[in-house]
Amino acid sequence: MTSSYLVVAPLTSLALGAILVGGGIYETLLVDRVWPDNVAIIQPKRGGLDRGLFWAPLHTLYELALIVAVWMVWSVIDARWWMIAALVIHLGARAWSFMYFIPKALRFEKAGELTAQQQADARRWTQLSRVRPVLEAASVLAQAVAVMRLAIPFAGV
């Protein structure tokens, strides 16, 4: 394996992470602004979005790519710690998602019309959810630094 192949896995992970951040921004700015008042938007059985069709495959691919990228750059100390930071940040965001966001989202999707209390919970959910793209952006930035650290030898610097 030549050293130029070392950058492929981190670049793949970086690209998938950027798509993840973009999806998070889209959902935060457009979908989350309106669905607490019109829950059918996120209820597939009522003709709404099935967010899992985007998020489940993307997270699976991204997490596999991120783990492979960490493994691939392990011997490059300048990049290793940035990739580990990216992985830790992402895993923290995912843990929070699995503990709070995903279970509540599934309940909202199955609820039918929301009660006043459920609408208040939905608004809180959307407010807290704004942090997730920020966390993922931090993970992507850490990966970008790692890729730059890997690319410096190829640039002749």
N, C-alpha and C. Protein backbone atom coordinates (compact mmCIF):
# COMPACT_ATOMS: atom_id res chain seq x y z
N MET A 1 0.86 -1.19 0.00
CA MET A 1 0.00 0.00 0.00
C MET A 1 0.89 1.24 0.00
N THR A 2 0.66 2.10 -0.95
CA THR A 2 1.42 3.34 -0.97
C THR A 2 0.75 4.34 -0.04
N SER A 3 1.54 5.30 0.42
CA SER A 3 1.04 6.24 1.41
C SER A 3 -0.06 7.15 0.87
N SER A 4 -0.15 7.34 -0.44
CA SER A 4 -1.21 8.18 -0.98
C SER A 4 -2.59 7.56 -0.75
N TYR A 5 -2.67 6.24 -0.63
CA TYR A 5 -3.95 5.58 -0.34
C TYR A 5 -4.41 5.83 1.08
N LEU A 6 -3.52 6.26 1.91
CA LEU A 6 -3.83 6.53 3.30
C LEU A 6 -4.91 7.61 3.45
N VAL A 7 -5.01 8.49 2.49
CA VAL A 7 -5.94 9.62 2.56
C VAL A 7 -7.34 9.23 2.10
N VAL A 8 -7.49 8.13 1.39
CA VAL A 8 -8.78 7.77 0.81
C VAL A 8 -9.85 7.55 1.88
N ALA A 9 -9.56 6.76 2.90
CA ALA A 9 -10.55 6.47 3.94
C ALA A 9 -10.95 7.74 4.71
N PRO A 10 -9.98 8.56 5.16
CA PRO A 10 -10.39 9.79 5.84
C PRO A 10 -11.17 10.75 4.94
N LEU A 11 -10.84 10.82 3.66
CA LEU A 11 -11.59 11.68 2.75
C LEU A 11 -13.01 11.17 2.55
N THR A 12 -13.16 9.85 2.46
CA THR A 12 -14.49 9.26 2.35
C THR A 12 -15.31 9.57 3.59
N SER A 13 -14.71 9.38 4.74
CA SER A 13 -15.38 9.67 6.00
C SER A 13 -15.73 11.15 6.10
N LEU A 14 -14.81 12.00 5.68
CA LEU A 14 -15.04 13.44 5.70
C LEU A 14 -16.22 13.81 4.80
N ALA A 15 -16.27 13.24 3.61
CA ALA A 15 -17.37 13.54 2.68
C ALA A 15 -18.71 13.08 3.25
N LEU A 16 -18.75 11.87 3.81
CA LEU A 16 -20.00 11.39 4.41
C LEU A 16 -20.39 12.23 5.62
N GLY A 17 -19.40 12.66 6.39
CA GLY A 17 -19.68 13.53 7.54
C GLY A 17 -20.24 14.86 7.10
N ALA A 18 -19.73 15.39 5.99
CA ALA A 18 -20.24 16.66 5.47
C ALA A 18 -21.69 16.51 5.01
N ILE A 19 -22.02 15.38 4.41
CA ILE A 19 -23.41 15.12 4.01
C ILE A 19 -24.29 15.04 5.25
N LEU A 20 -23.78 14.40 6.29
CA LEU A 20 -24.52 14.28 7.55
C LEU A 20 -24.79 15.66 8.14
N VAL A 21 -23.79 16.52 8.15
CA VAL A 21 -23.98 17.88 8.67
C VAL A 21 -24.99 18.64 7.81
N GLY A 22 -24.88 18.51 6.51
CA GLY A 22 -25.83 19.17 5.62
C GLY A 22 -27.26 18.71 5.86
N GLY A 23 -27.43 17.40 6.04
CA GLY A 23 -28.77 16.88 6.34
C GLY A 23 -29.29 17.40 7.66
N GLY A 24 -28.40 17.50 8.65
CA GLY A 24 -28.80 18.03 9.95
C GLY A 24 -29.21 19.50 9.87
N ILE A 25 -28.48 20.26 9.09
CA ILE A 25 -28.82 21.67 8.92
C ILE A 25 -30.16 21.80 8.19
N TYR A 26 -30.35 21.02 7.14
CA TYR A 26 -31.61 21.03 6.39
C TYR A 26 -32.78 20.71 7.33
N GLU A 27 -32.64 19.63 8.08
CA GLU A 27 -33.72 19.23 8.97
C GLU A 27 -33.97 20.28 10.05
N THR A 28 -32.90 20.85 10.60
CA THR A 28 -33.05 21.86 11.64
C THR A 28 -33.71 23.13 11.11
N LEU A 29 -33.27 23.61 9.95
CA LEU A 29 -33.79 24.87 9.42
C LEU A 29 -35.16 24.76 8.78
N LEU A 30 -35.46 23.62 8.18
CA LEU A 30 -36.71 23.52 7.42
C LEU A 30 -37.75 22.62 8.08
N VAL A 31 -37.38 21.41 8.41
CA VAL A 31 -38.36 20.45 8.92
C VAL A 31 -38.72 20.75 10.37
N ASP A 32 -37.71 20.93 11.21
CA ASP A 32 -37.97 21.12 12.65
C ASP A 32 -38.71 22.42 12.96
N ARG A 33 -38.64 23.39 12.08
CA ARG A 33 -39.37 24.65 12.31
C ARG A 33 -40.87 24.45 12.26
N VAL A 34 -41.34 23.48 11.47
CA VAL A 34 -42.78 23.38 11.22
C VAL A 34 -43.46 22.14 11.78
N TRP A 35 -42.74 21.05 11.98
CA TRP A 35 -43.46 19.83 12.34
C TRP A 35 -44.13 19.84 13.71
N PRO A 36 -43.66 20.54 14.73
CA PRO A 36 -44.42 20.51 15.98
C PRO A 36 -45.86 21.03 15.84
N ASP A 37 -46.09 21.93 14.88
CA ASP A 37 -47.43 22.44 14.64
C ASP A 37 -48.19 21.64 13.58
N ASN A 38 -47.49 20.80 12.84
CA ASN A 38 -48.09 19.97 11.80
C ASN A 38 -47.37 18.63 11.79
N VAL A 39 -47.65 17.81 12.78
CA VAL A 39 -46.90 16.57 13.02
C VAL A 39 -46.98 15.59 11.85
N ALA A 40 -48.00 15.70 11.02
CA ALA A 40 -48.12 14.79 9.87
C ALA A 40 -46.90 14.87 8.97
N ILE A 41 -46.18 15.99 9.02
CA ILE A 41 -44.97 16.17 8.20
C ILE A 41 -43.94 15.08 8.49
N ILE A 42 -43.88 14.59 9.73
CA ILE A 42 -42.88 13.57 10.09
C ILE A 42 -43.54 12.22 10.38
N GLN A 43 -44.76 12.04 9.93
CA GLN A 43 -45.46 10.77 10.13
C GLN A 43 -45.67 10.06 8.80
N PRO A 44 -44.81 9.10 8.49
CA PRO A 44 -44.90 8.42 7.20
C PRO A 44 -46.28 7.81 6.92
N LYS A 45 -46.95 7.30 7.95
CA LYS A 45 -48.26 6.69 7.73
C LYS A 45 -49.31 7.71 7.32
N ARG A 46 -49.02 8.98 7.56
CA ARG A 46 -49.94 10.06 7.17
C ARG A 46 -49.41 10.83 5.97
N GLY A 47 -48.46 10.24 5.24
CA GLY A 47 -47.91 10.86 4.04
C GLY A 47 -46.72 11.76 4.28
N GLY A 48 -46.22 11.77 5.51
CA GLY A 48 -45.08 12.62 5.84
C GLY A 48 -43.74 11.98 5.52
N LEU A 49 -42.71 12.69 5.86
CA LEU A 49 -41.33 12.24 5.64
C LEU A 49 -41.02 10.99 6.45
N ASP A 50 -40.27 10.09 5.84
CA ASP A 50 -39.70 8.96 6.59
C ASP A 50 -38.23 9.29 6.75
N ARG A 51 -37.90 9.97 7.83
CA ARG A 51 -36.53 10.45 8.04
C ARG A 51 -35.53 9.31 8.16
N GLY A 52 -36.00 8.16 8.58
CA GLY A 52 -35.11 7.01 8.71
C GLY A 52 -34.53 6.55 7.38
N LEU A 53 -35.22 6.82 6.28
CA LEU A 53 -34.69 6.43 4.96
C LEU A 53 -33.40 7.16 4.63
N PHE A 54 -33.23 8.34 5.16
CA PHE A 54 -32.00 9.11 4.96
C PHE A 54 -30.99 8.81 6.07
N TRP A 55 -31.44 8.94 7.33
CA TRP A 55 -30.50 8.90 8.45
C TRP A 55 -29.93 7.52 8.72
N ALA A 56 -30.69 6.46 8.65
CA ALA A 56 -30.17 5.13 8.98
C ALA A 56 -29.04 4.70 8.04
N PRO A 57 -29.23 4.73 6.71
CA PRO A 57 -28.11 4.33 5.86
C PRO A 57 -26.92 5.28 5.95
N LEU A 58 -27.19 6.58 6.05
CA LEU A 58 -26.09 7.54 6.10
C LEU A 58 -25.25 7.33 7.35
N HIS A 59 -25.89 7.19 8.50
CA HIS A 59 -25.13 6.97 9.73
C HIS A 59 -24.35 5.66 9.68
N THR A 60 -24.95 4.62 9.12
CA THR A 60 -24.26 3.34 9.01
C THR A 60 -22.99 3.48 8.16
N LEU A 61 -23.14 4.08 6.99
CA LEU A 61 -21.98 4.27 6.11
C LEU A 61 -20.92 5.17 6.76
N TYR A 62 -21.39 6.26 7.35
CA TYR A 62 -20.46 7.21 7.96
C TYR A 62 -19.68 6.56 9.11
N GLU A 63 -20.38 5.84 9.96
CA GLU A 63 -19.70 5.24 11.11
C GLU A 63 -18.70 4.17 10.67
N LEU A 64 -19.06 3.38 9.67
CA LEU A 64 -18.10 2.41 9.13
C LEU A 64 -16.89 3.12 8.54
N ALA A 65 -17.14 4.16 7.76
CA ALA A 65 -16.03 4.91 7.14
C ALA A 65 -15.16 5.58 8.20
N LEU A 66 -15.77 6.10 9.24
CA LEU A 66 -15.02 6.76 10.30
C LEU A 66 -14.13 5.77 11.05
N ILE A 67 -14.67 4.60 11.35
CA ILE A 67 -13.88 3.57 12.03
C ILE A 67 -12.74 3.10 11.15
N VAL A 68 -13.01 2.87 9.87
CA VAL A 68 -11.95 2.47 8.93
C VAL A 68 -10.90 3.57 8.83
N ALA A 69 -11.33 4.82 8.79
CA ALA A 69 -10.39 5.94 8.69
C ALA A 69 -9.48 6.00 9.92
N VAL A 70 -10.06 5.82 11.09
CA VAL A 70 -9.24 5.82 12.31
C VAL A 70 -8.20 4.69 12.22
N TRP A 71 -8.64 3.53 11.81
CA TRP A 71 -7.74 2.38 11.69
C TRP A 71 -6.63 2.66 10.66
N MET A 72 -7.01 3.26 9.52
CA MET A 72 -6.04 3.51 8.45
C MET A 72 -4.97 4.53 8.86
N VAL A 73 -5.35 5.53 9.65
CA VAL A 73 -4.38 6.58 9.99
C VAL A 73 -3.69 6.33 11.33
N TRP A 74 -3.96 5.20 11.94
CA TRP A 74 -3.46 4.95 13.29
C TRP A 74 -1.95 5.17 13.41
N SER A 75 -1.21 4.83 12.40
CA SER A 75 0.26 4.95 12.47
C SER A 75 0.76 6.38 12.27
N VAL A 76 -0.14 7.29 11.89
CA VAL A 76 0.26 8.68 11.65
C VAL A 76 -0.22 9.51 12.85
N ILE A 77 0.69 9.73 13.78
CA ILE A 77 0.32 10.36 15.05
C ILE A 77 -0.32 11.74 14.84
N ASP A 78 0.18 12.52 13.89
CA ASP A 78 -0.38 13.85 13.63
C ASP A 78 -1.85 13.80 13.24
N ALA A 79 -2.27 12.73 12.59
CA ALA A 79 -3.66 12.59 12.15
C ALA A 79 -4.48 11.75 13.12
N ARG A 80 -3.84 10.79 13.78
CA ARG A 80 -4.56 9.85 14.65
C ARG A 80 -5.43 10.55 15.68
N TRP A 81 -4.86 11.48 16.40
CA TRP A 81 -5.60 12.10 17.50
C TRP A 81 -6.76 12.96 17.01
N TRP A 82 -6.61 13.54 15.83
CA TRP A 82 -7.72 14.30 15.25
C TRP A 82 -8.85 13.36 14.85
N MET A 83 -8.50 12.20 14.30
CA MET A 83 -9.53 11.23 13.93
C MET A 83 -10.19 10.63 15.17
N ILE A 84 -9.41 10.40 16.21
CA ILE A 84 -10.00 9.91 17.46
C ILE A 84 -10.95 10.95 18.03
N ALA A 85 -10.55 12.22 17.99
CA ALA A 85 -11.43 13.29 18.46
C ALA A 85 -12.73 13.30 17.65
N ALA A 86 -12.62 13.15 16.34
CA ALA A 86 -13.81 13.11 15.48
C ALA A 86 -14.72 11.95 15.87
N LEU A 87 -14.12 10.79 16.11
CA LEU A 87 -14.90 9.61 16.49
C LEU A 87 -15.57 9.79 17.84
N VAL A 88 -14.85 10.33 18.81
CA VAL A 88 -15.41 10.53 20.15
C VAL A 88 -16.56 11.54 20.12
N ILE A 89 -16.38 12.63 19.40
CA ILE A 89 -17.45 13.63 19.29
C ILE A 89 -18.69 13.01 18.63
N HIS A 90 -18.46 12.30 17.54
CA HIS A 90 -19.58 11.68 16.85
C HIS A 90 -20.27 10.64 17.74
N LEU A 91 -19.51 9.80 18.42
CA LEU A 91 -20.12 8.79 19.29
C LEU A 91 -20.89 9.43 20.44
N GLY A 92 -20.39 10.55 20.94
CA GLY A 92 -21.14 11.28 21.97
C GLY A 92 -22.48 11.77 21.45
N ALA A 93 -22.47 12.32 20.24
CA ALA A 93 -23.71 12.80 19.63
C ALA A 93 -24.66 11.63 19.37
N ARG A 94 -24.12 10.51 18.92
CA ARG A 94 -24.95 9.33 18.65
C ARG A 94 -25.53 8.76 19.95
N ALA A 95 -24.74 8.73 20.99
CA ALA A 95 -25.25 8.23 22.28
C ALA A 95 -26.43 9.09 22.74
N TRP A 96 -26.27 10.40 22.63
CA TRP A 96 -27.35 11.32 23.00
C TRP A 96 -28.58 11.06 22.13
N SER A 97 -28.35 10.83 20.84
CA SER A 97 -29.46 10.54 19.93
C SER A 97 -30.20 9.26 20.33
N PHE A 98 -29.43 8.21 20.64
CA PHE A 98 -30.07 6.94 21.00
C PHE A 98 -30.77 7.00 22.35
N MET A 99 -30.27 7.82 23.26
CA MET A 99 -30.89 7.92 24.58
C MET A 99 -32.10 8.85 24.59
N TYR A 100 -32.06 9.91 23.79
CA TYR A 100 -33.12 10.91 23.87
C TYR A 100 -33.87 11.11 22.54
N PHE A 101 -33.16 11.49 21.49
CA PHE A 101 -33.80 11.95 20.27
C PHE A 101 -34.56 10.86 19.52
N ILE A 102 -33.93 9.73 19.30
CA ILE A 102 -34.58 8.68 18.49
C ILE A 102 -35.83 8.13 19.17
N PRO A 103 -35.78 7.78 20.47
CA PRO A 103 -37.02 7.28 21.08
C PRO A 103 -38.16 8.29 21.04
N LYS A 104 -37.85 9.55 21.30
CA LYS A 104 -38.90 10.58 21.26
C LYS A 104 -39.41 10.79 19.84
N ALA A 105 -38.50 10.80 18.86
CA ALA A 105 -38.91 10.98 17.47
C ALA A 105 -39.86 9.86 17.05
N LEU A 106 -39.55 8.64 17.44
CA LEU A 106 -40.42 7.52 17.09
C LEU A 106 -41.80 7.67 17.73
N ARG A 107 -41.83 8.17 18.95
CA ARG A 107 -43.13 8.41 19.61
C ARG A 107 -43.92 9.50 18.89
N PHE A 108 -43.23 10.58 18.48
CA PHE A 108 -43.91 11.65 17.76
C PHE A 108 -44.46 11.13 16.42
N GLU A 109 -43.69 10.28 15.76
CA GLU A 109 -44.10 9.75 14.46
C GLU A 109 -45.35 8.87 14.58
N LYS A 110 -45.53 8.23 15.71
CA LYS A 110 -46.66 7.31 15.91
C LYS A 110 -47.83 7.95 16.65
N ALA A 111 -47.70 9.18 17.08
CA ALA A 111 -48.65 9.78 18.02
C ALA A 111 -49.99 10.18 17.41
N GLY A 112 -50.08 10.40 16.14
CA GLY A 112 -51.28 11.04 15.61
C GLY A 112 -51.17 12.53 15.88
N GLU A 113 -52.28 13.18 16.15
CA GLU A 113 -52.22 14.60 16.50
C GLU A 113 -51.62 14.75 17.90
N LEU A 114 -50.87 15.80 18.09
CA LEU A 114 -50.19 16.01 19.37
C LEU A 114 -51.06 16.80 20.33
N THR A 115 -51.00 16.42 21.60
CA THR A 115 -51.64 17.20 22.65
C THR A 115 -50.79 18.44 22.89
N ALA A 116 -51.30 19.35 23.69
CA ALA A 116 -50.55 20.57 24.01
C ALA A 116 -49.23 20.21 24.69
N GLN A 117 -49.23 19.24 25.59
CA GLN A 117 -48.00 18.82 26.26
C GLN A 117 -47.03 18.17 25.27
N GLN A 118 -47.54 17.36 24.36
CA GLN A 118 -46.69 16.74 23.35
C GLN A 118 -46.09 17.79 22.41
N GLN A 119 -46.88 18.83 22.10
CA GLN A 119 -46.34 19.91 21.26
C GLN A 119 -45.21 20.64 21.99
N ALA A 120 -45.38 20.86 23.28
CA ALA A 120 -44.31 21.49 24.07
C ALA A 120 -43.08 20.60 24.08
N ASP A 121 -43.28 19.29 24.24
CA ASP A 121 -42.15 18.34 24.19
C ASP A 121 -41.49 18.37 22.81
N ALA A 122 -42.29 18.47 21.77
CA ALA A 122 -41.76 18.51 20.40
C ALA A 122 -40.92 19.77 20.19
N ARG A 123 -41.39 20.89 20.71
CA ARG A 123 -40.62 22.14 20.57
C ARG A 123 -39.29 22.03 21.33
N ARG A 124 -39.33 21.45 22.50
CA ARG A 124 -38.09 21.24 23.27
C ARG A 124 -37.15 20.32 22.50
N TRP A 125 -37.69 19.26 21.91
CA TRP A 125 -36.91 18.32 21.12
C TRP A 125 -36.22 19.07 19.97
N THR A 126 -36.97 19.91 19.27
CA THR A 126 -36.37 20.62 18.13
C THR A 126 -35.33 21.63 18.58
N GLN A 127 -35.55 22.26 19.74
CA GLN A 127 -34.55 23.20 20.25
C GLN A 127 -33.25 22.47 20.61
N LEU A 128 -33.37 21.35 21.32
CA LEU A 128 -32.18 20.59 21.68
C LEU A 128 -31.49 20.00 20.46
N SER A 129 -32.29 19.63 19.48
CA SER A 129 -31.74 19.00 18.27
C SER A 129 -30.84 19.94 17.48
N ARG A 130 -30.96 21.23 17.70
CA ARG A 130 -30.09 22.19 17.01
C ARG A 130 -28.62 22.00 17.37
N VAL A 131 -28.35 21.38 18.49
CA VAL A 131 -26.98 21.16 18.93
C VAL A 131 -26.31 20.04 18.12
N ARG A 132 -27.11 19.09 17.65
CA ARG A 132 -26.53 17.93 16.96
C ARG A 132 -25.73 18.29 15.70
N PRO A 133 -26.23 19.14 14.80
CA PRO A 133 -25.39 19.50 13.65
C PRO A 133 -24.11 20.23 14.06
N VAL A 134 -24.16 20.96 15.15
CA VAL A 134 -22.96 21.63 15.64
C VAL A 134 -21.93 20.60 16.09
N LEU A 135 -22.38 19.60 16.84
CA LEU A 135 -21.47 18.53 17.28
C LEU A 135 -20.89 17.79 16.08
N GLU A 136 -21.75 17.47 15.13
CA GLU A 136 -21.27 16.75 13.94
C GLU A 136 -20.31 17.62 13.12
N ALA A 137 -20.56 18.92 13.08
CA ALA A 137 -19.63 19.82 12.38
C ALA A 137 -18.27 19.82 13.07
N ALA A 138 -18.26 19.76 14.40
CA ALA A 138 -16.99 19.68 15.13
C ALA A 138 -16.27 18.38 14.77
N SER A 139 -17.00 17.29 14.65
CA SER A 139 -16.41 16.01 14.25
C SER A 139 -15.82 16.11 12.84
N VAL A 140 -16.55 16.72 11.94
CA VAL A 140 -16.09 16.88 10.55
C VAL A 140 -14.86 17.79 10.50
N LEU A 141 -14.85 18.85 11.29
CA LEU A 141 -13.68 19.73 11.31
C LEU A 141 -12.44 19.00 11.82
N ALA A 142 -12.62 18.16 12.83
CA ALA A 142 -11.49 17.36 13.32
C ALA A 142 -10.98 16.44 12.22
N GLN A 143 -11.89 15.87 11.46
CA GLN A 143 -11.46 15.02 10.34
C GLN A 143 -10.74 15.83 9.27
N ALA A 144 -11.21 17.04 9.03
CA ALA A 144 -10.56 17.89 8.03
C ALA A 144 -9.12 18.20 8.44
N VAL A 145 -8.92 18.45 9.74
CA VAL A 145 -7.55 18.68 10.22
C VAL A 145 -6.71 17.43 10.01
N ALA A 146 -7.28 16.27 10.31
CA ALA A 146 -6.54 15.01 10.11
C ALA A 146 -6.16 14.84 8.65
N VAL A 147 -7.08 15.12 7.74
CA VAL A 147 -6.79 14.99 6.31
C VAL A 147 -5.69 15.96 5.91
N MET A 148 -5.74 17.18 6.42
CA MET A 148 -4.67 18.14 6.13
C MET A 148 -3.33 17.64 6.65
N ARG A 149 -3.34 17.06 7.85
CA ARG A 149 -2.10 16.52 8.42
C ARG A 149 -1.56 15.39 7.56
N LEU A 150 -2.45 14.61 6.99
CA LEU A 150 -2.03 13.53 6.10
C LEU A 150 -1.54 14.05 4.77
N ALA A 151 -2.15 15.11 4.29
CA ALA A 151 -1.85 15.63 2.95
C ALA A 151 -0.57 16.44 2.90
N ILE A 152 -0.12 16.97 4.01
CA ILE A 152 1.08 17.82 4.03
C ILE A 152 2.30 17.13 3.41
N PRO A 153 2.58 15.85 3.73
CA PRO A 153 3.74 15.22 3.08
C PRO A 153 3.61 15.14 1.56
N PHE A 154 2.37 15.03 1.05
CA PHE A 154 2.16 14.91 -0.39
C PHE A 154 2.30 16.26 -1.08
N ALA A 155 2.15 17.34 -0.33
CA ALA A 155 2.24 18.68 -0.92
C ALA A 155 3.70 19.16 -1.00
N GLY A 156 4.59 18.39 -0.44
CA GLY A 156 6.00 18.76 -0.47
C GLY A 156 6.36 19.84 0.52
N VAL A 157 5.49 20.06 1.52
CA VAL A 157 5.75 21.09 2.53
C VAL A 157 6.65 20.53 3.60
